Amino acid sequence: MGRLEKSNFDELILSKTRLGIISALVGGDKLEFTYLRDALKLSDGNLSVQIRKLEEAGYIKVDKVFVERKPKTFCKITAKGRKALRTLIKKLENLVNLD
C-alpha cells in the first residue's frame, strides 16, 4: 500500500469524535465540556471517554474548576495536540496531491 498504509496516520485523532473535539479546540480558546457535548451532539459518557483519551495522549489539557459552586470542566488543545493535527492534515494533503 505504500503511502496509503493506515499505520501512517495517528489513529487517536483520526476518530471522527476525537477529531471533532480537537478541531473545536484548535481556535485556542478553552471550551467547556457542555459546549463540546452540545456542539458535537455527544452523550456525557461518550465525550468523557474521548476527552480522557486525548488528555492521556497529551493532546488536550483538562481543567476542573468550580464556578458559582458548580463543577465545570474546561478543555484546551496543547502544543502536542496542535502538532498532531498539523501532521494529520499534512498527510491528508499528501494523499490528495498524489500524481
PDB file of N, CA and C in Angstrom:
ATOM      1  N   MET A   1       0.801  -1.211   0.000  1.00  0.00           N
ATOM      2  CA  MET A   1       0.000   0.000   0.000  1.00  0.00           C
ATOM      3  C   MET A   1       0.838   1.268   0.000  1.00  0.00           C
ATOM      4  N   GLY A   2       2.088   1.203   0.387  1.00  0.00           N
ATOM      5  CA  GLY A   2       2.962   2.365   0.335  1.00  0.00           C
ATOM      6  C   GLY A   2       2.489   3.509   1.200  1.00  0.00           C
ATOM      7  N   ARG A   3       2.280   4.674   0.566  1.00  0.00           N
ATOM      8  CA  ARG A   3       1.923   5.890   1.308  1.00  0.00           C
ATOM      9  C   ARG A   3       0.530   5.824   1.930  1.00  0.00           C
ATOM     10  N   LEU A   4      -0.279   4.894   1.508  1.00  0.00           N
ATOM     11  CA  LEU A   4      -1.654   4.843   1.998  1.00  0.00           C
ATOM     12  C   LEU A   4      -1.829   3.952   3.225  1.00  0.00           C
ATOM     13  N   GLU A   5      -0.737   3.391   3.728  1.00  0.00           N
ATOM     14  CA  GLU A   5      -0.866   2.492   4.864  1.00  0.00           C
ATOM     15  C   GLU A   5      -1.526   3.195   6.040  1.00  0.00           C
ATOM     16  N   LYS A   6      -2.465   2.484   6.653  1.00  0.00           N
ATOM     17  CA  LYS A   6      -3.218   3.051   7.767  1.00  0.00           C
ATOM     18  C   LYS A   6      -2.309   3.405   8.944  1.00  0.00           C
ATOM     19  N   SER A   7      -1.247   2.634   9.139  1.00  0.00           N
ATOM     20  CA  SER A   7      -0.356   2.868  10.278  1.00  0.00           C
ATOM     21  C   SER A   7       0.360   4.215  10.185  1.00  0.00           C
ATOM     22  N   ASN A   8       0.341   4.846   9.024  1.00  0.00           N
ATOM     23  CA  ASN A   8       0.974   6.155   8.874  1.00  0.00           C
ATOM     24  C   ASN A   8       0.156   7.260   9.516  1.00  0.00           C
ATOM     25  N   PHE A   9      -1.075   6.985   9.864  1.00  0.00           N
ATOM     26  CA  PHE A   9      -1.955   8.005  10.424  1.00  0.00           C
ATOM     27  C   PHE A   9      -2.097   7.818  11.924  1.00  0.00           C
ATOM     28  N   ASP A  10      -2.246   8.934  12.625  1.00  0.00           N
ATOM     29  CA  ASP A  10      -2.464   8.913  14.068  1.00  0.00           C
ATOM     30  C   ASP A  10      -3.898   8.470  14.324  1.00  0.00           C
ATOM     31  N   GLU A  11      -4.058   7.219  14.679  1.00  0.00           N
ATOM     32  CA  GLU A  11      -5.393   6.644  14.883  1.00  0.00           C
ATOM     33  C   GLU A  11      -6.166   7.371  15.973  1.00  0.00           C
ATOM     34  N   LEU A  12      -5.463   7.953  16.929  1.00  0.00           N
ATOM     35  CA  LEU A  12      -6.141   8.614  18.035  1.00  0.00           C
ATOM     36  C   LEU A  12      -6.986   9.794  17.554  1.00  0.00           C
ATOM     37  N   ILE A  13      -6.436  10.624  16.673  1.00  0.00           N
ATOM     38  CA  ILE A  13      -7.224  11.770  16.234  1.00  0.00           C
ATOM     39  C   ILE A  13      -7.909  11.536  14.895  1.00  0.00           C
ATOM     40  N   LEU A  14      -7.699  10.368  14.319  1.00  0.00           N
ATOM     41  CA  LEU A  14      -8.394  10.050  13.080  1.00  0.00           C
ATOM     42  C   LEU A  14      -9.861   9.688  13.352  1.00  0.00           C
ATOM     43  N   SER A  15     -10.157   9.346  14.600  1.00  0.00           N
ATOM     44  CA  SER A  15     -11.530   9.063  15.007  1.00  0.00           C
ATOM     45  C   SER A  15     -12.397  10.307  14.804  1.00  0.00           C
ATOM     46  N   LYS A  16     -13.581  10.126  14.247  1.00  0.00           N
ATOM     47  CA  LYS A  16     -14.484  11.249  13.968  1.00  0.00           C
ATOM     48  C   LYS A  16     -14.743  12.087  15.222  1.00  0.00           C
ATOM     49  N   THR A  17     -15.017  11.446  16.323  1.00  0.00           N
ATOM     50  CA  THR A  17     -15.348  12.169  17.553  1.00  0.00           C
ATOM     51  C   THR A  17     -14.146  12.930  18.090  1.00  0.00           C
ATOM     52  N   ARG A  18     -12.996  12.259  18.170  1.00  0.00           N
ATOM     53  CA  ARG A  18     -11.811  12.927  18.709  1.00  0.00           C
ATOM     54  C   ARG A  18     -11.322  14.032  17.767  1.00  0.00           C
ATOM     55  N   LEU A  19     -11.452  13.815  16.471  1.00  0.00           N
ATOM     56  CA  LEU A  19     -11.086  14.858  15.517  1.00  0.00           C
ATOM     57  C   LEU A  19     -12.016  16.067  15.677  1.00  0.00           C
ATOM     58  N   GLY A  20     -13.274  15.805  15.959  1.00  0.00           N
ATOM     59  CA  GLY A  20     -14.221  16.887  16.216  1.00  0.00           C
ATOM     60  C   GLY A  20     -13.833  17.699  17.442  1.00  0.00           C
ATOM     61  N   ILE A  21     -13.413  17.017  18.491  1.00  0.00           N
ATOM     62  CA  ILE A  21     -13.000  17.703  19.719  1.00  0.00           C
ATOM     63  C   ILE A  21     -11.767  18.563  19.448  1.00  0.00           C
ATOM     64  N   ILE A  22     -10.758  17.967  18.827  1.00  0.00           N
ATOM     65  CA  ILE A  22      -9.519  18.689  18.517  1.00  0.00           C
ATOM     66  C   ILE A  22      -9.814  19.879  17.605  1.00  0.00           C
ATOM     67  N   SER A  23     -10.661  19.679  16.613  1.00  0.00           N
ATOM     68  CA  SER A  23     -10.999  20.749  15.672  1.00  0.00           C
ATOM     69  C   SER A  23     -11.705  21.907  16.373  1.00  0.00           C
ATOM     70  N   ALA A  24     -12.575  21.584  17.312  1.00  0.00           N
ATOM     71  CA  ALA A  24     -13.272  22.631  18.058  1.00  0.00           C
ATOM     72  C   ALA A  24     -12.302  23.427  18.920  1.00  0.00           C
ATOM     73  N   LEU A  25     -11.280  22.752  19.426  1.00  0.00           N
ATOM     74  CA  LEU A  25     -10.339  23.398  20.340  1.00  0.00           C
ATOM     75  C   LEU A  25      -9.215  24.146  19.625  1.00  0.00           C
ATOM     76  N   VAL A  26      -9.022  23.888  18.345  1.00  0.00           N
ATOM     77  CA  VAL A  26      -7.864  24.443  17.645  1.00  0.00           C
ATOM     78  C   VAL A  26      -7.884  25.968  17.578  1.00  0.00           C
ATOM     79  N   GLY A  27      -9.029  26.580  17.790  1.00  0.00           N
ATOM     80  CA  GLY A  27      -9.114  28.039  17.812  1.00  0.00           C
ATOM     81  C   GLY A  27      -8.333  28.665  18.954  1.00  0.00           C
ATOM     82  N   GLY A  28      -7.978  27.880  19.940  1.00  0.00           N
ATOM     83  CA  GLY A  28      -7.146  28.371  21.034  1.00  0.00           C
ATOM     84  C   GLY A  28      -7.882  28.659  22.323  1.00  0.00           C
ATOM     85  N   ASP A  29      -9.198  28.751  22.255  1.00  0.00           N
ATOM     86  CA  ASP A  29      -9.954  29.039  23.469  1.00  0.00           C
ATOM     87  C   ASP A  29     -10.150  27.782  24.302  1.00  0.00           C
ATOM     88  N   LYS A  30     -10.329  28.001  25.599  1.00  0.00           N
ATOM     89  CA  LYS A  30     -10.762  26.910  26.478  1.00  0.00           C
ATOM     90  C   LYS A  30     -12.247  26.742  26.234  1.00  0.00           C
ATOM     91  N   LEU A  31     -12.669  25.506  26.021  1.00  0.00           N
ATOM     92  CA  LEU A  31     -14.097  25.268  25.823  1.00  0.00           C
ATOM     93  C   LEU A  31     -14.630  24.391  26.943  1.00  0.00           C
ATOM     94  N   GLU A  32     -15.851  24.699  27.338  1.00  0.00           N
ATOM     95  CA  GLU A  32     -16.484  23.949  28.421  1.00  0.00           C
ATOM     96  C   GLU A  32     -17.033  22.625  27.904  1.00  0.00           C
ATOM     97  N   PHE A  33     -17.004  21.644  28.773  1.00  0.00           N
ATOM     98  CA  PHE A  33     -17.492  20.300  28.472  1.00  0.00           C
ATOM     99  C   PHE A  33     -18.890  20.344  27.863  1.00  0.00           C
ATOM    100  N   THR A  34     -19.786  21.096  28.479  1.00  0.00           N
ATOM    101  CA  THR A  34     -21.166  21.124  27.987  1.00  0.00           C
ATOM    102  C   THR A  34     -21.255  21.738  26.592  1.00  0.00           C
ATOM    103  N   TYR A  35     -20.399  22.722  26.304  1.00  0.00           N
ATOM    104  CA  TYR A  35     -20.374  23.305  24.955  1.00  0.00           C
ATOM    105  C   TYR A  35     -19.941  22.243  23.943  1.00  0.00           C
ATOM    106  N   LEU A  36     -18.864  21.528  24.246  1.00  0.00           N
ATOM    107  CA  LEU A  36     -18.392  20.472  23.346  1.00  0.00           C
ATOM    108  C   LEU A  36     -19.451  19.388  23.166  1.00  0.00           C
ATOM    109  N   ARG A  37     -20.066  18.994  24.262  1.00  0.00           N
ATOM    110  CA  ARG A  37     -21.108  17.959  24.215  1.00  0.00           C
ATOM    111  C   ARG A  37     -22.235  18.359  23.272  1.00  0.00           C
ATOM    112  N   ASP A  38     -22.706  19.578  23.438  1.00  0.00           N
ATOM    113  CA  ASP A  38     -23.833  20.045  22.634  1.00  0.00           C
ATOM    114  C   ASP A  38     -23.427  20.285  21.175  1.00  0.00           C
ATOM    115  N   ALA A  39     -22.269  20.898  20.967  1.00  0.00           N
ATOM    116  CA  ALA A  39     -21.812  21.207  19.609  1.00  0.00           C
ATOM    117  C   ALA A  39     -21.554  19.940  18.803  1.00  0.00           C
ATOM    118  N   LEU A  40     -21.020  18.908  19.472  1.00  0.00           N
ATOM    119  CA  LEU A  40     -20.685  17.666  18.778  1.00  0.00           C
ATOM    120  C   LEU A  40     -21.800  16.622  18.875  1.00  0.00           C
ATOM    121  N   LYS A  41     -22.872  16.974  19.586  1.00  0.00           N
ATOM    122  CA  LYS A  41     -24.029  16.086  19.751  1.00  0.00           C
ATOM    123  C   LYS A  41     -23.618  14.711  20.303  1.00  0.00           C
ATOM    124  N   LEU A  42     -22.928  14.760  21.454  1.00  0.00           N
ATOM    125  CA  LEU A  42     -22.447  13.549  22.112  1.00  0.00           C
ATOM    126  C   LEU A  42     -23.097  13.401  23.478  1.00  0.00           C
ATOM    127  N   SER A  43     -23.109  12.188  23.967  1.00  0.00           N
ATOM    128  CA  SER A  43     -23.574  11.964  25.339  1.00  0.00           C
ATOM    129  C   SER A  43     -22.442  12.351  26.294  1.00  0.00           C
ATOM    130  N   ASP A  44     -22.791  12.608  27.543  1.00  0.00           N
ATOM    131  CA  ASP A  44     -21.777  12.934  28.553  1.00  0.00           C
ATOM    132  C   ASP A  44     -20.732  11.823  28.640  1.00  0.00           C
ATOM    133  N   GLY A  45     -21.203  10.584  28.666  1.00  0.00           N
ATOM    134  CA  GLY A  45     -20.296   9.444  28.803  1.00  0.00           C
ATOM    135  C   GLY A  45     -19.340   9.311  27.635  1.00  0.00           C
ATOM    136  N   ASN A  46     -19.855   9.435  26.425  1.00  0.00           N
ATOM    137  CA  ASN A  46     -19.005   9.305  25.245  1.00  0.00           C
ATOM    138  C   ASN A  46     -17.972  10.423  25.209  1.00  0.00           C
ATOM    139  N   LEU A  47     -18.399  11.649  25.464  1.00  0.00           N
ATOM    140  CA  LEU A  47     -17.459  12.766  25.456  1.00  0.00           C
ATOM    141  C   LEU A  47     -16.396  12.587  26.535  1.00  0.00           C
ATOM    142  N   SER A  48     -16.792  12.149  27.705  1.00  0.00           N
ATOM    143  CA  SER A  48     -15.833  11.936  28.801  1.00  0.00           C
ATOM    144  C   SER A  48     -14.745  10.946  28.405  1.00  0.00           C
ATOM    145  N   VAL A  49     -15.142   9.840  27.793  1.00  0.00           N
ATOM    146  CA  VAL A  49     -14.183   8.813  27.372  1.00  0.00           C
ATOM    147  C   VAL A  49     -13.218   9.376  26.340  1.00  0.00           C
ATOM    148  N   GLN A  50     -13.747  10.101  25.362  1.00  0.00           N
ATOM    149  CA  GLN A  50     -12.904  10.632  24.290  1.00  0.00           C
ATOM    150  C   GLN A  50     -11.961  11.721  24.812  1.00  0.00           C
ATOM    151  N   ILE A  51     -12.440  12.551  25.719  1.00  0.00           N
ATOM    152  CA  ILE A  51     -11.591  13.578  26.329  1.00  0.00           C
ATOM    153  C   ILE A  51     -10.464  12.925  27.116  1.00  0.00           C
ATOM    154  N   ARG A  52     -10.784  11.878  27.849  1.00  0.00           N
ATOM    155  CA  ARG A  52      -9.769  11.194  28.646  1.00  0.00           C
ATOM    156  C   ARG A  52      -8.659  10.636  27.748  1.00  0.00           C
ATOM    157  N   LYS A  53      -9.046  10.050  26.609  1.00  0.00           N
ATOM    158  CA  LYS A  53      -8.050   9.501  25.683  1.00  0.00           C
ATOM    159  C   LYS A  53      -7.144  10.602  25.139  1.00  0.00           C
ATOM    160  N   LEU A  54      -7.727  11.733  24.774  1.00  0.00           N
ATOM    161  CA  LEU A  54      -6.931  12.848  24.259  1.00  0.00           C
ATOM    162  C   LEU A  54      -6.035  13.442  25.347  1.00  0.00           C
ATOM    163  N   GLU A  55      -6.545  13.496  26.560  1.00  0.00           N
ATOM    164  CA  GLU A  55      -5.753  14.013  27.677  1.00  0.00           C
ATOM    165  C   GLU A  55      -4.587  13.081  27.981  1.00  0.00           C
ATOM    166  N   GLU A  56      -4.843  11.786  28.017  1.00  0.00           N
ATOM    167  CA  GLU A  56      -3.785  10.808  28.290  1.00  0.00           C
ATOM    168  C   GLU A  56      -2.677  10.865  27.240  1.00  0.00           C
ATOM    169  N   ALA A  57      -3.044  11.196  26.005  1.00  0.00           N
ATOM    170  CA  ALA A  57      -2.056  11.312  24.925  1.00  0.00           C
ATOM    171  C   ALA A  57      -1.311  12.644  24.983  1.00  0.00           C
ATOM    172  N   GLY A  58      -1.794  13.567  25.806  1.00  0.00           N
ATOM    173  CA  GLY A  58      -1.169  14.874  25.916  1.00  0.00           C
ATOM    174  C   GLY A  58      -1.627  15.852  24.847  1.00  0.00           C
ATOM    175  N   TYR A  59      -2.724  15.522  24.150  1.00  0.00           N
ATOM    176  CA  TYR A  59      -3.223  16.378  23.074  1.00  0.00           C
ATOM    177  C   TYR A  59      -4.106  17.510  23.582  1.00  0.00           C
ATOM    178  N   ILE A  60      -4.708  17.325  24.751  1.00  0.00           N
ATOM    179  CA  ILE A  60      -5.503  18.388  25.359  1.00  0.00           C
ATOM    180  C   ILE A  60      -5.194  18.445  26.853  1.00  0.00           C
ATOM    181  N   LYS A  61      -5.479  19.597  27.436  1.00  0.00           N
ATOM    182  CA  LYS A  61      -5.354  19.783  28.882  1.00  0.00           C
ATOM    183  C   LYS A  61      -6.763  19.980  29.414  1.00  0.00           C
ATOM    184  N   VAL A  62      -7.056  19.328  30.513  1.00  0.00           N
ATOM    185  CA  VAL A  62      -8.379  19.411  31.118  1.00  0.00           C
ATOM    186  C   VAL A  62      -8.256  20.087  32.485  1.00  0.00           C
ATOM    187  N   ASP A  63      -9.080  21.099  32.696  1.00  0.00           N
ATOM    188  CA  ASP A  63      -9.132  21.791  33.985  1.00  0.00           C
ATOM    189  C   ASP A  63     -10.527  21.624  34.562  1.00  0.00           C
ATOM    190  N   LYS A  64     -10.575  21.183  35.812  1.00  0.00           N
ATOM    191  CA  LYS A  64     -11.851  21.066  36.513  1.00  0.00           C
ATOM    192  C   LYS A  64     -11.857  22.128  37.599  1.00  0.00           C
ATOM    193  N   VAL A  65     -12.860  22.997  37.525  1.00  0.00           N
ATOM    194  CA  VAL A  65     -12.954  24.117  38.463  1.00  0.00           C
ATOM    195  C   VAL A  65     -14.395  24.236  38.956  1.00  0.00           C
ATOM    196  N   PHE A  66     -14.554  25.063  39.981  1.00  0.00           N
ATOM    197  CA  PHE A  66     -15.898  25.367  40.457  1.00  0.00           C
ATOM    198  C   PHE A  66     -16.241  26.791  40.042  1.00  0.00           C
ATOM    199  N   VAL A  67     -17.399  26.952  39.433  1.00  0.00           N
ATOM    200  CA  VAL A  67     -17.908  28.259  39.048  1.00  0.00           C
ATOM    201  C   VAL A  67     -19.269  28.400  39.710  1.00  0.00           C
ATOM    202  N   GLU A  68     -19.380  29.399  40.587  1.00  0.00           N
ATOM    203  CA  GLU A  68     -20.614  29.579  41.349  1.00  0.00           C
ATOM    204  C   GLU A  68     -21.034  28.278  42.035  1.00  0.00           C
ATOM    205  N   ARG A  69     -20.069  27.633  42.653  1.00  0.00           N
ATOM    206  CA  ARG A  69     -20.261  26.405  43.439  1.00  0.00           C
ATOM    207  C   ARG A  69     -20.669  25.191  42.612  1.00  0.00           C
ATOM    208  N   LYS A  70     -20.537  25.293  41.292  1.00  0.00           N
ATOM    209  CA  LYS A  70     -20.860  24.166  40.415  1.00  0.00           C
ATOM    210  C   LYS A  70     -19.590  23.713  39.710  1.00  0.00           C
ATOM    211  N   PRO A  71     -19.391  22.390  39.634  1.00  0.00           N
ATOM    212  CA  PRO A  71     -18.195  21.897  38.949  1.00  0.00           C
ATOM    213  C   PRO A  71     -18.300  22.132  37.439  1.00  0.00           C
ATOM    214  N   LYS A  72     -17.212  22.599  36.857  1.00  0.00           N
ATOM    215  CA  LYS A  72     -17.137  22.829  35.409  1.00  0.00           C
ATOM    216  C   LYS A  72     -15.850  22.204  34.901  1.00  0.00           C
ATOM    217  N   THR A  73     -15.920  21.641  33.715  1.00  0.00           N
ATOM    218  CA  THR A  73     -14.751  21.056  33.090  1.00  0.00           C
ATOM    219  C   THR A  73     -14.453  21.833  31.814  1.00  0.00           C
ATOM    220  N   PHE A  74     -13.208  22.280  31.688  1.00  0.00           N
ATOM    221  CA  PHE A  74     -12.767  23.021  30.517  1.00  0.00           C
ATOM    222  C   PHE A  74     -11.640  22.268  29.830  1.00  0.00           C
ATOM    223  N   CYS A  75     -11.613  22.332  28.507  1.00  0.00           N
ATOM    224  CA  CYS A  75     -10.584  21.658  27.723  1.00  0.00           C
ATOM    225  C   CYS A  75      -9.868  22.677  26.853  1.00  0.00           C
ATOM    226  N   LYS A  76      -8.572  22.442  26.650  1.00  0.00           N
ATOM    227  CA  LYS A  76      -7.770  23.310  25.793  1.00  0.00           C
ATOM    228  C   LYS A  76      -6.762  22.430  25.064  1.00  0.00           C
ATOM    229  N   ILE A  77      -6.549  22.721  23.783  1.00  0.00           N
ATOM    230  CA  ILE A  77      -5.586  21.958  22.999  1.00  0.00           C
ATOM    231  C   ILE A  77      -4.168  22.316  23.457  1.00  0.00           C
ATOM    232  N   THR A  78      -3.267  21.342  23.420  1.00  0.00           N
ATOM    233  CA  THR A  78      -1.868  21.575  23.792  1.00  0.00           C
ATOM    234  C   THR A  78      -1.029  21.727  22.525  1.00  0.00           C
ATOM    235  N   ALA A  79       0.226  22.098  22.706  1.00  0.00           N
ATOM    236  CA  ALA A  79       1.150  22.194  21.567  1.00  0.00           C
ATOM    237  C   ALA A  79       1.288  20.829  20.892  1.00  0.00           C
ATOM    238  N   LYS A  80       1.316  19.778  21.683  1.00  0.00           N
ATOM    239  CA  LYS A  80       1.405  18.428  21.128  1.00  0.00           C
ATOM    240  C   LYS A  80       0.162  18.095  20.300  1.00  0.00           C
ATOM    241  N   GLY A  81      -1.000  18.528  20.762  1.00  0.00           N
ATOM    242  CA  GLY A  81      -2.240  18.304  20.033  1.00  0.00           C
ATOM    243  C   GLY A  81      -2.260  19.067  18.720  1.00  0.00           C
ATOM    244  N   ARG A  82      -1.770  20.300  18.739  1.00  0.00           N
ATOM    245  CA  ARG A  82      -1.684  21.101  17.513  1.00  0.00           C
ATOM    246  C   ARG A  82      -0.757  20.435  16.499  1.00  0.00           C
ATOM    247  N   LYS A  83       0.373  19.951  16.997  1.00  0.00           N
ATOM    248  CA  LYS A  83       1.339  19.297  16.116  1.00  0.00           C
ATOM    249  C   LYS A  83       0.728  18.042  15.493  1.00  0.00           C
ATOM    250  N   ALA A  84       0.019  17.261  16.304  1.00  0.00           N
ATOM    251  CA  ALA A  84      -0.615  16.031  15.802  1.00  0.00           C
ATOM    252  C   ALA A  84      -1.647  16.362  14.724  1.00  0.00           C
ATOM    253  N   LEU A  85      -2.412  17.426  14.933  1.00  0.00           N
ATOM    254  CA  LEU A  85      -3.412  17.826  13.943  1.00  0.00           C
ATOM    255  C   LEU A  85      -2.740  18.312  12.662  1.00  0.00           C
ATOM    256  N   ARG A  86      -1.694  19.123  12.795  1.00  0.00           N
ATOM    257  CA  ARG A  86      -0.960  19.594  11.612  1.00  0.00           C
ATOM    258  C   ARG A  86      -0.387  18.428  10.818  1.00  0.00           C
ATOM    259  N   THR A  87       0.161  17.452  11.525  1.00  0.00           N
ATOM    260  CA  THR A  87       0.735  16.271  10.875  1.00  0.00           C
ATOM    261  C   THR A  87      -0.339  15.499  10.126  1.00  0.00           C
ATOM    262  N   LEU A  88      -1.495  15.318  10.741  1.00  0.00           N
ATOM    263  CA  LEU A  88      -2.598  14.614  10.087  1.00  0.00           C
ATOM    264  C   LEU A  88      -3.036  15.362   8.828  1.00  0.00           C
ATOM    265  N   ILE A  89      -3.190  16.663   8.932  1.00  0.00           N
ATOM    266  CA  ILE A  89      -3.612  17.463   7.781  1.00  0.00           C
ATOM    267  C   ILE A  89      -2.583  17.364   6.663  1.00  0.00           C
ATOM    268  N   LYS A  90      -1.306  17.423   7.006  1.00  0.00           N
ATOM    269  CA  LYS A  90      -0.237  17.329   6.012  1.00  0.00           C
ATOM    270  C   LYS A  90      -0.303  15.976   5.292  1.00  0.00           C
ATOM    271  N   LYS A  91      -0.526  14.901   6.030  1.00  0.00           N
ATOM    272  CA  LYS A  91      -0.608  13.568   5.427  1.00  0.00           C
ATOM    273  C   LYS A  91      -1.832  13.450   4.519  1.00  0.00           C
ATOM    274  N   LEU A  92      -2.942  14.042   4.936  1.00  0.00           N
ATOM    275  CA  LEU A  92      -4.140  14.019   4.098  1.00  0.00           C
ATOM    276  C   LEU A  92      -3.925  14.841   2.827  1.00  0.00           C
ATOM    277  N   GLU A  93      -3.251  15.977   2.968  1.00  0.00           N
ATOM    278  CA  GLU A  93      -2.935  16.782   1.786  1.00  0.00           C
ATOM    279  C   GLU A  93      -2.047  16.011   0.816  1.00  0.00           C
ATOM    280  N   ASN A  94      -1.088  15.270   1.347  1.00  0.00           N
ATOM    281  CA  ASN A  94      -0.219  14.461   0.501  1.00  0.00           C
ATOM    282  C   ASN A  94      -1.012  13.405  -0.267  1.00  0.00           C
ATOM    283  N   LEU A  95      -2.036  12.855   0.354  1.00  0.00           N
ATOM    284  CA  LEU A  95      -2.879  11.875  -0.324  1.00  0.00           C
ATOM    285  C   LEU A  95      -3.638  12.521  -1.486  1.00  0.00           C
ATOM    286  N   VAL A  96      -4.137  13.712  -1.256  1.00  0.00           N
ATOM    287  CA  VAL A  96      -4.902  14.427  -2.273  1.00  0.00           C
ATOM    288  C   VAL A  96      -3.993  14.821  -3.447  1.00  0.00           C
ATOM    289  N   ASN A  97      -2.744  15.090  -3.155  1.00  0.00           N
ATOM    290  CA  ASN A  97      -1.806  15.553  -4.175  1.00  0.00           C
ATOM    291  C   ASN A  97      -1.032  14.429  -4.849  1.00  0.00           C
ATOM    292  N   LEU A  98      -1.482  13.198  -4.710  1.00  0.00           N
ATOM    293  CA  LEU A  98      -0.801  12.079  -5.385  1.00  0.00           C
ATOM    294  C   LEU A  98      -0.891  12.268  -6.891  1.00  0.00           C
ATOM    295  N   ASP A  99       0.196  12.049  -7.550  1.00  0.00           N
ATOM    296  CA  ASP A  99       0.203  12.177  -9.022  1.00  0.00           C
ATOM    297  C   ASP A  99       0.202  10.817  -9.679  1.00  0.00           C
TER     298      ASP A  99
END
